[in-house]
Amino acid sequence: MPAPILTVDELAPLLPARGSLFGLDLGTKTIGLAASDDSRRVGGPLLTLTKGKFSADAEKLLKLAAERRIAAFVLGLPVNMDGTEGPRAQASRAFARNLSTRTETPIALWDERLSTVAAERMLIEQDVSRARRAEVIDAHAAAFILQGALDRLRAILG
């Protein structure tokens, strides 16, 4: 049975009491990955995968998710500043649909406007070199996406 693709609000009542979430920042060449703690209080950057064929990317993600017993995925949805969805948002939705056919783990979409900008700003403030920023920016953007979803879940669930 394919995984449901939901909003974070729709995901909230489906989650077990404990269990980590993965945050995903889907880029054109990479996938940034972040993970939360088991109590879903805080999310942090994990790693950046170089994108290849979808099947190989999905296999890597699902293997990592199984190892960490992930309760759900939170996929960044790159909505335009005016609220419309362009080609990148459509690509993220297609990725979610394709991933959902390979797992039963729920996938929530989260508006990721400005997540990469926020991650870049934070890395610059920490005096991270330009070369190092390029290596870790997607994982940090995934952490911003995940943290936004975690904060929303906490507001919903109390």
N, C-alpha and C. Protein backbone atom coordinates (compact mmCIF):
# COMPACT_ATOMS: atom_id res chain seq x y z
N MET A 1 0.85 -1.19 0.00
CA MET A 1 0.00 0.00 0.00
C MET A 1 0.89 1.24 0.00
N PRO A 2 0.68 2.17 -0.90
CA PRO A 2 1.53 3.36 -0.94
C PRO A 2 1.38 4.22 0.31
N ALA A 3 2.45 4.92 0.62
CA ALA A 3 2.43 5.83 1.77
C ALA A 3 1.51 7.00 1.47
N PRO A 4 0.83 7.50 2.50
CA PRO A 4 0.04 8.71 2.28
C PRO A 4 0.94 9.92 2.12
N ILE A 5 0.50 10.87 1.29
CA ILE A 5 1.19 12.16 1.14
C ILE A 5 0.25 13.19 1.75
N LEU A 6 0.73 13.88 2.77
CA LEU A 6 -0.12 14.70 3.63
C LEU A 6 0.47 16.07 3.89
N THR A 7 -0.31 16.90 4.54
CA THR A 7 0.23 18.11 5.16
C THR A 7 0.72 17.70 6.55
N VAL A 8 1.49 18.55 7.19
CA VAL A 8 1.95 18.26 8.54
C VAL A 8 0.76 18.18 9.49
N ASP A 9 -0.25 19.03 9.28
CA ASP A 9 -1.45 18.97 10.12
C ASP A 9 -2.16 17.62 9.99
N GLU A 10 -2.20 17.09 8.78
CA GLU A 10 -2.83 15.77 8.58
C GLU A 10 -1.97 14.64 9.13
N LEU A 11 -0.66 14.84 9.14
CA LEU A 11 0.26 13.83 9.65
C LEU A 11 0.16 13.69 11.17
N ALA A 12 -0.03 14.77 11.87
CA ALA A 12 0.04 14.80 13.34
C ALA A 12 -0.70 13.65 14.02
N PRO A 13 -1.99 13.42 13.73
CA PRO A 13 -2.68 12.35 14.46
C PRO A 13 -2.25 10.94 14.08
N LEU A 14 -1.49 10.79 13.00
CA LEU A 14 -1.06 9.47 12.55
C LEU A 14 0.26 9.03 13.18
N LEU A 15 0.96 9.96 13.82
CA LEU A 15 2.29 9.66 14.35
C LEU A 15 2.22 8.88 15.65
N PRO A 16 3.16 7.94 15.83
CA PRO A 16 3.27 7.28 17.14
C PRO A 16 3.77 8.29 18.18
N ALA A 17 3.68 7.93 19.44
CA ALA A 17 4.11 8.83 20.51
C ALA A 17 5.58 9.23 20.37
N ARG A 18 6.40 8.30 19.92
CA ARG A 18 7.83 8.56 19.75
C ARG A 18 8.26 8.08 18.38
N GLY A 19 9.35 8.62 17.89
CA GLY A 19 9.90 8.20 16.61
C GLY A 19 10.43 9.38 15.85
N SER A 20 11.60 9.22 15.30
CA SER A 20 12.27 10.28 14.55
C SER A 20 11.56 10.56 13.23
N LEU A 21 11.78 11.77 12.74
CA LEU A 21 11.33 12.16 11.42
C LEU A 21 12.56 12.52 10.60
N PHE A 22 12.48 12.31 9.30
CA PHE A 22 13.51 12.77 8.37
C PHE A 22 12.99 14.02 7.68
N GLY A 23 13.84 15.02 7.54
CA GLY A 23 13.56 16.19 6.73
C GLY A 23 14.35 16.07 5.44
N LEU A 24 13.72 16.38 4.32
CA LEU A 24 14.36 16.28 3.01
C LEU A 24 14.29 17.60 2.28
N ASP A 25 15.44 18.06 1.79
CA ASP A 25 15.51 19.23 0.93
C ASP A 25 15.95 18.74 -0.43
N LEU A 26 15.01 18.69 -1.36
CA LEU A 26 15.26 18.15 -2.69
C LEU A 26 15.80 19.25 -3.59
N GLY A 27 17.05 19.11 -3.98
CA GLY A 27 17.65 20.05 -4.92
C GLY A 27 17.72 19.44 -6.30
N THR A 28 18.31 20.17 -7.23
CA THR A 28 18.44 19.64 -8.58
C THR A 28 19.56 18.60 -8.67
N LYS A 29 20.59 18.75 -7.83
CA LYS A 29 21.73 17.84 -7.88
C LYS A 29 21.93 17.04 -6.59
N THR A 30 21.28 17.47 -5.51
CA THR A 30 21.49 16.82 -4.22
C THR A 30 20.17 16.69 -3.46
N ILE A 31 20.21 15.86 -2.42
CA ILE A 31 19.12 15.75 -1.47
C ILE A 31 19.72 15.98 -0.09
N GLY A 32 19.31 17.08 0.54
CA GLY A 32 19.74 17.33 1.91
C GLY A 32 18.88 16.52 2.85
N LEU A 33 19.51 15.95 3.86
CA LEU A 33 18.80 15.08 4.80
C LEU A 33 19.07 15.52 6.22
N ALA A 34 18.00 15.63 7.00
CA ALA A 34 18.09 15.97 8.41
C ALA A 34 17.27 14.96 9.19
N ALA A 35 17.56 14.82 10.47
CA ALA A 35 16.82 13.89 11.32
C ALA A 35 16.48 14.56 12.64
N SER A 36 15.36 14.14 13.20
CA SER A 36 14.98 14.64 14.52
C SER A 36 15.37 13.61 15.57
N ASP A 37 15.32 14.06 16.80
CA ASP A 37 15.47 13.13 17.90
C ASP A 37 14.17 12.32 18.02
N ASP A 38 14.19 11.28 18.83
CA ASP A 38 13.06 10.37 18.97
C ASP A 38 11.81 11.05 19.55
N SER A 39 12.02 12.09 20.36
CA SER A 39 10.89 12.80 20.96
C SER A 39 10.39 13.94 20.06
N ARG A 40 11.05 14.12 18.93
CA ARG A 40 10.67 15.12 17.92
C ARG A 40 10.69 16.55 18.46
N ARG A 41 11.69 16.86 19.24
CA ARG A 41 11.87 18.22 19.75
C ARG A 41 12.76 19.06 18.84
N VAL A 42 13.83 18.42 18.34
CA VAL A 42 14.82 19.17 17.56
C VAL A 42 15.29 18.34 16.37
N GLY A 43 15.51 19.04 15.26
CA GLY A 43 16.04 18.40 14.06
C GLY A 43 17.40 18.98 13.74
N GLY A 44 18.28 18.15 13.22
CA GLY A 44 19.61 18.61 12.85
C GLY A 44 20.04 18.01 11.54
N PRO A 45 21.01 18.66 10.88
CA PRO A 45 21.50 18.16 9.59
C PRO A 45 22.15 16.79 9.75
N LEU A 46 21.94 15.94 8.77
CA LEU A 46 22.51 14.59 8.81
C LEU A 46 23.56 14.42 7.72
N LEU A 47 23.13 14.55 6.45
CA LEU A 47 24.06 14.38 5.35
C LEU A 47 23.43 14.91 4.06
N THR A 48 24.25 14.96 3.03
CA THR A 48 23.78 15.37 1.71
C THR A 48 24.08 14.24 0.73
N LEU A 49 23.04 13.80 0.05
CA LEU A 49 23.21 12.76 -0.97
C LEU A 49 23.31 13.41 -2.34
N THR A 50 24.21 12.91 -3.17
CA THR A 50 24.27 13.36 -4.56
C THR A 50 23.19 12.60 -5.31
N LYS A 51 22.34 13.35 -6.02
CA LYS A 51 21.24 12.71 -6.73
C LYS A 51 21.75 11.92 -7.93
N GLY A 52 21.10 10.78 -8.12
CA GLY A 52 21.35 9.95 -9.28
C GLY A 52 20.01 9.53 -9.83
N LYS A 53 19.89 8.27 -10.19
CA LYS A 53 18.60 7.74 -10.63
C LYS A 53 17.67 7.66 -9.43
N PHE A 54 16.39 7.92 -9.66
CA PHE A 54 15.44 7.94 -8.56
C PHE A 54 15.47 6.64 -7.76
N SER A 55 15.50 5.50 -8.43
CA SER A 55 15.44 4.22 -7.72
C SER A 55 16.61 4.07 -6.74
N ALA A 56 17.79 4.47 -7.15
CA ALA A 56 18.96 4.39 -6.27
C ALA A 56 18.83 5.38 -5.11
N ASP A 57 18.36 6.59 -5.40
CA ASP A 57 18.16 7.59 -4.34
C ASP A 57 17.13 7.11 -3.33
N ALA A 58 16.03 6.57 -3.82
CA ALA A 58 14.98 6.07 -2.93
C ALA A 58 15.50 4.92 -2.08
N GLU A 59 16.27 4.04 -2.68
CA GLU A 59 16.83 2.90 -1.93
C GLU A 59 17.71 3.39 -0.78
N LYS A 60 18.57 4.39 -1.05
CA LYS A 60 19.43 4.94 0.00
C LYS A 60 18.60 5.56 1.12
N LEU A 61 17.61 6.38 0.74
CA LEU A 61 16.76 7.04 1.74
C LEU A 61 16.00 6.03 2.59
N LEU A 62 15.43 5.03 1.95
CA LEU A 62 14.64 4.04 2.68
C LEU A 62 15.52 3.16 3.57
N LYS A 63 16.74 2.90 3.13
CA LYS A 63 17.67 2.13 3.97
C LYS A 63 18.02 2.93 5.22
N LEU A 64 18.34 4.22 5.04
CA LEU A 64 18.63 5.08 6.19
C LEU A 64 17.42 5.20 7.11
N ALA A 65 16.24 5.34 6.52
CA ALA A 65 15.01 5.46 7.31
C ALA A 65 14.76 4.19 8.12
N ALA A 66 14.99 3.04 7.53
CA ALA A 66 14.81 1.77 8.25
C ALA A 66 15.80 1.64 9.40
N GLU A 67 17.06 2.02 9.14
CA GLU A 67 18.09 1.94 10.19
C GLU A 67 17.73 2.80 11.40
N ARG A 68 17.10 3.94 11.15
CA ARG A 68 16.76 4.88 12.22
C ARG A 68 15.31 4.76 12.68
N ARG A 69 14.59 3.80 12.11
CA ARG A 69 13.17 3.59 12.44
C ARG A 69 12.38 4.90 12.36
N ILE A 70 12.46 5.52 11.19
CA ILE A 70 11.81 6.80 10.94
C ILE A 70 10.29 6.64 10.92
N ALA A 71 9.59 7.55 11.59
CA ALA A 71 8.13 7.50 11.65
C ALA A 71 7.48 8.20 10.45
N ALA A 72 8.18 9.18 9.86
CA ALA A 72 7.64 9.91 8.71
C ALA A 72 8.75 10.72 8.05
N PHE A 73 8.50 11.05 6.80
CA PHE A 73 9.35 11.96 6.04
C PHE A 73 8.68 13.32 5.98
N VAL A 74 9.47 14.39 6.05
CA VAL A 74 8.97 15.74 5.82
C VAL A 74 9.76 16.28 4.63
N LEU A 75 9.07 16.44 3.52
CA LEU A 75 9.70 16.87 2.28
C LEU A 75 9.41 18.35 2.05
N GLY A 76 10.46 19.12 1.87
CA GLY A 76 10.29 20.54 1.59
C GLY A 76 9.59 20.75 0.25
N LEU A 77 8.61 21.63 0.26
CA LEU A 77 7.87 22.00 -0.95
C LEU A 77 8.24 23.44 -1.29
N PRO A 78 9.04 23.64 -2.34
CA PRO A 78 9.52 24.98 -2.66
C PRO A 78 8.45 25.85 -3.33
N VAL A 79 7.64 26.45 -2.51
CA VAL A 79 6.56 27.32 -2.97
C VAL A 79 7.16 28.69 -3.29
N ASN A 80 6.67 29.33 -4.35
CA ASN A 80 7.12 30.68 -4.70
C ASN A 80 6.69 31.66 -3.61
N MET A 81 7.34 32.81 -3.58
CA MET A 81 7.03 33.80 -2.55
C MET A 81 5.58 34.27 -2.60
N ASP A 82 4.95 34.22 -3.78
CA ASP A 82 3.54 34.63 -3.90
C ASP A 82 2.57 33.49 -3.61
N GLY A 83 3.10 32.33 -3.17
CA GLY A 83 2.26 31.20 -2.81
C GLY A 83 1.95 30.24 -3.95
N THR A 84 2.38 30.55 -5.15
CA THR A 84 2.14 29.65 -6.28
C THR A 84 3.21 28.56 -6.31
N GLU A 85 2.92 27.53 -7.09
CA GLU A 85 3.87 26.43 -7.23
C GLU A 85 4.41 26.39 -8.65
N GLY A 86 5.72 26.37 -8.75
CA GLY A 86 6.37 26.31 -10.05
C GLY A 86 6.94 24.93 -10.30
N PRO A 87 7.86 24.83 -11.26
CA PRO A 87 8.44 23.54 -11.64
C PRO A 87 9.14 22.81 -10.49
N ARG A 88 9.82 23.54 -9.61
CA ARG A 88 10.51 22.87 -8.49
C ARG A 88 9.52 22.24 -7.53
N ALA A 89 8.41 22.92 -7.27
CA ALA A 89 7.37 22.35 -6.40
C ALA A 89 6.76 21.12 -7.06
N GLN A 90 6.54 21.20 -8.36
CA GLN A 90 5.99 20.05 -9.09
C GLN A 90 6.96 18.86 -9.03
N ALA A 91 8.26 19.15 -9.11
CA ALA A 91 9.27 18.09 -9.01
C ALA A 91 9.25 17.45 -7.62
N SER A 92 9.07 18.27 -6.59
CA SER A 92 8.99 17.74 -5.22
C SER A 92 7.75 16.87 -5.04
N ARG A 93 6.64 17.32 -5.59
CA ARG A 93 5.40 16.51 -5.51
C ARG A 93 5.58 15.18 -6.25
N ALA A 94 6.23 15.22 -7.40
CA ALA A 94 6.48 13.98 -8.16
C ALA A 94 7.40 13.05 -7.38
N PHE A 95 8.42 13.61 -6.74
CA PHE A 95 9.33 12.81 -5.91
C PHE A 95 8.54 12.14 -4.78
N ALA A 96 7.66 12.90 -4.13
CA ALA A 96 6.84 12.34 -3.04
C ALA A 96 5.96 11.21 -3.56
N ARG A 97 5.32 11.43 -4.70
CA ARG A 97 4.46 10.37 -5.28
C ARG A 97 5.27 9.11 -5.58
N ASN A 98 6.44 9.28 -6.19
CA ASN A 98 7.28 8.14 -6.53
C ASN A 98 7.79 7.43 -5.28
N LEU A 99 8.22 8.19 -4.28
CA LEU A 99 8.69 7.59 -3.04
C LEU A 99 7.56 6.85 -2.33
N SER A 100 6.37 7.40 -2.40
CA SER A 100 5.22 6.79 -1.70
C SER A 100 4.89 5.39 -2.23
N THR A 101 5.29 5.10 -3.46
CA THR A 101 5.01 3.76 -4.01
C THR A 101 6.00 2.72 -3.49
N ARG A 102 7.04 3.16 -2.80
CA ARG A 102 8.09 2.25 -2.32
C ARG A 102 8.10 2.07 -0.81
N THR A 103 7.20 2.77 -0.11
CA THR A 103 7.20 2.72 1.35
C THR A 103 5.79 2.95 1.87
N GLU A 104 5.56 2.54 3.09
CA GLU A 104 4.31 2.85 3.77
C GLU A 104 4.51 3.99 4.77
N THR A 105 5.74 4.45 4.92
CA THR A 105 6.05 5.55 5.84
C THR A 105 5.43 6.83 5.30
N PRO A 106 4.61 7.51 6.09
CA PRO A 106 3.95 8.73 5.60
C PRO A 106 4.95 9.80 5.16
N ILE A 107 4.52 10.59 4.19
CA ILE A 107 5.31 11.70 3.66
C ILE A 107 4.49 12.97 3.82
N ALA A 108 5.05 13.92 4.55
CA ALA A 108 4.37 15.21 4.71
C ALA A 108 5.11 16.26 3.89
N LEU A 109 4.36 17.14 3.25
CA LEU A 109 4.94 18.25 2.50
C LEU A 109 4.93 19.49 3.38
N TRP A 110 6.04 20.24 3.36
CA TRP A 110 6.19 21.42 4.20
C TRP A 110 6.69 22.58 3.36
N ASP A 111 6.01 23.70 3.44
CA ASP A 111 6.40 24.92 2.72
C ASP A 111 7.81 25.31 3.16
N GLU A 112 8.73 25.29 2.22
CA GLU A 112 10.13 25.53 2.58
C GLU A 112 10.65 26.90 2.14
N ARG A 113 9.75 27.84 1.90
CA ARG A 113 10.22 29.16 1.47
C ARG A 113 11.32 29.68 2.38
N LEU A 114 12.40 30.09 1.78
CA LEU A 114 13.54 30.72 2.45
C LEU A 114 14.36 29.79 3.34
N SER A 115 14.15 28.48 3.30
CA SER A 115 14.94 27.58 4.15
C SER A 115 16.42 27.62 3.77
N THR A 116 16.73 27.63 2.48
CA THR A 116 18.13 27.67 2.07
C THR A 116 18.76 29.02 2.42
N VAL A 117 18.00 30.08 2.28
CA VAL A 117 18.49 31.42 2.65
C VAL A 117 18.81 31.45 4.14
N ALA A 118 17.91 30.92 4.96
CA ALA A 118 18.13 30.89 6.41
C ALA A 118 19.34 30.04 6.77
N ALA A 119 19.48 28.89 6.11
CA ALA A 119 20.61 28.01 6.38
C ALA A 119 21.92 28.70 5.98
N GLU A 120 21.93 29.36 4.83
CA GLU A 120 23.12 30.07 4.37
C GLU A 120 23.52 31.17 5.36
N ARG A 121 22.54 31.93 5.80
CA ARG A 121 22.79 33.01 6.75
C ARG A 121 23.40 32.47 8.05
N MET A 122 22.84 31.37 8.55
CA MET A 122 23.34 30.78 9.79
C MET A 122 24.78 30.28 9.61
N LEU A 123 25.08 29.66 8.48
CA LEU A 123 26.43 29.17 8.24
C LEU A 123 27.43 30.31 8.10
N ILE A 124 27.02 31.40 7.46
CA ILE A 124 27.89 32.57 7.33
C ILE A 124 28.17 33.16 8.72
N GLU A 125 27.12 33.25 9.54
CA GLU A 125 27.29 33.77 10.91
C GLU A 125 28.26 32.91 11.71
N GLN A 126 28.31 31.63 11.40
CA GLN A 126 29.23 30.71 12.09
C GLN A 126 30.61 30.70 11.43
N ASP A 127 30.81 31.59 10.45
CA ASP A 127 32.09 31.75 9.76
C ASP A 127 32.53 30.47 9.04
N VAL A 128 31.57 29.76 8.47
CA VAL A 128 31.86 28.56 7.69
C VAL A 128 32.33 29.01 6.31
N SER A 129 33.41 28.41 5.82
CA SER A 129 33.98 28.82 4.53
C SER A 129 32.98 28.56 3.40
N ARG A 130 33.15 29.29 2.32
CA ARG A 130 32.27 29.13 1.16
C ARG A 130 32.27 27.69 0.65
N ALA A 131 33.46 27.08 0.57
CA ALA A 131 33.55 25.70 0.08
C ALA A 131 32.81 24.74 1.01
N ARG A 132 33.00 24.91 2.29
CA ARG A 132 32.32 24.04 3.27
C ARG A 132 30.81 24.28 3.25
N ARG A 133 30.39 25.53 3.09
CA ARG A 133 28.95 25.83 3.00
C ARG A 133 28.32 25.09 1.84
N ALA A 134 29.01 25.05 0.70
CA ALA A 134 28.49 24.36 -0.47
C ALA A 134 28.27 22.88 -0.19
N GLU A 135 29.14 22.30 0.65
CA GLU A 135 29.04 20.87 0.97
C GLU A 135 27.87 20.57 1.90
N VAL A 136 27.54 21.49 2.80
CA VAL A 136 26.58 21.19 3.87
C VAL A 136 25.26 21.96 3.78
N ILE A 137 25.14 22.89 2.84
CA ILE A 137 23.96 23.77 2.81
C ILE A 137 22.65 22.99 2.69
N ASP A 138 22.62 21.95 1.87
CA ASP A 138 21.36 21.22 1.66
C ASP A 138 20.92 20.47 2.91
N ALA A 139 21.86 19.89 3.64
CA ALA A 139 21.51 19.21 4.89
C ALA A 139 21.01 20.22 5.93
N HIS A 140 21.62 21.41 5.95
CA HIS A 140 21.18 22.45 6.88
C HIS A 140 19.80 23.00 6.47
N ALA A 141 19.56 23.12 5.17
CA ALA A 141 18.24 23.54 4.71
C ALA A 141 17.20 22.49 5.10
N ALA A 142 17.56 21.21 4.98
CA ALA A 142 16.65 20.13 5.40
C ALA A 142 16.35 20.24 6.90
N ALA A 143 17.35 20.64 7.68
CA ALA A 143 17.13 20.81 9.12
C ALA A 143 16.16 21.95 9.40
N PHE A 144 16.25 23.04 8.63
CA PHE A 144 15.30 24.15 8.79
C PHE A 144 13.89 23.70 8.43
N ILE A 145 13.77 22.94 7.36
CA ILE A 145 12.47 22.41 6.95
C ILE A 145 11.91 21.52 8.06
N LEU A 146 12.73 20.61 8.53
CA LEU A 146 12.30 19.68 9.57
C LEU A 146 11.92 20.41 10.85
N GLN A 147 12.72 21.39 11.25
CA GLN A 147 12.43 22.09 12.51
C GLN A 147 11.12 22.86 12.42
N GLY A 148 10.83 23.44 11.26
CA GLY A 148 9.55 24.12 11.08
C GLY A 148 8.40 23.16 11.25
N ALA A 149 8.52 21.96 10.68
CA ALA A 149 7.47 20.95 10.81
C ALA A 149 7.36 20.46 12.25
N LEU A 150 8.50 20.26 12.92
CA LEU A 150 8.47 19.83 14.32
C LEU A 150 7.78 20.87 15.21
N ASP A 151 8.08 22.13 14.97
CA ASP A 151 7.44 23.20 15.75
C ASP A 151 5.94 23.20 15.52
N ARG A 152 5.52 23.00 14.28
CA ARG A 152 4.09 22.94 13.97
C ARG A 152 3.44 21.73 14.64
N LEU A 153 4.09 20.58 14.61
CA LEU A 153 3.56 19.39 15.26
C LEU A 153 3.38 19.62 16.76
N ARG A 154 4.37 20.26 17.36
CA ARG A 154 4.28 20.55 18.81
C ARG A 154 3.11 21.47 19.10
N ALA A 155 2.87 22.45 18.23
CA ALA A 155 1.74 23.37 18.41
C ALA A 155 0.41 22.62 18.29
N ILE A 156 0.34 21.64 17.40
CA ILE A 156 -0.87 20.87 17.20
C ILE A 156 -1.11 19.88 18.33
N LEU A 157 -0.05 19.15 18.67
CA LEU A 157 -0.18 18.05 19.62
C LEU A 157 0.01 18.47 21.07
N GLY A 158 0.55 19.66 21.26
CA GLY A 158 0.73 20.15 22.64
C GLY A 158 1.97 19.71 23.29
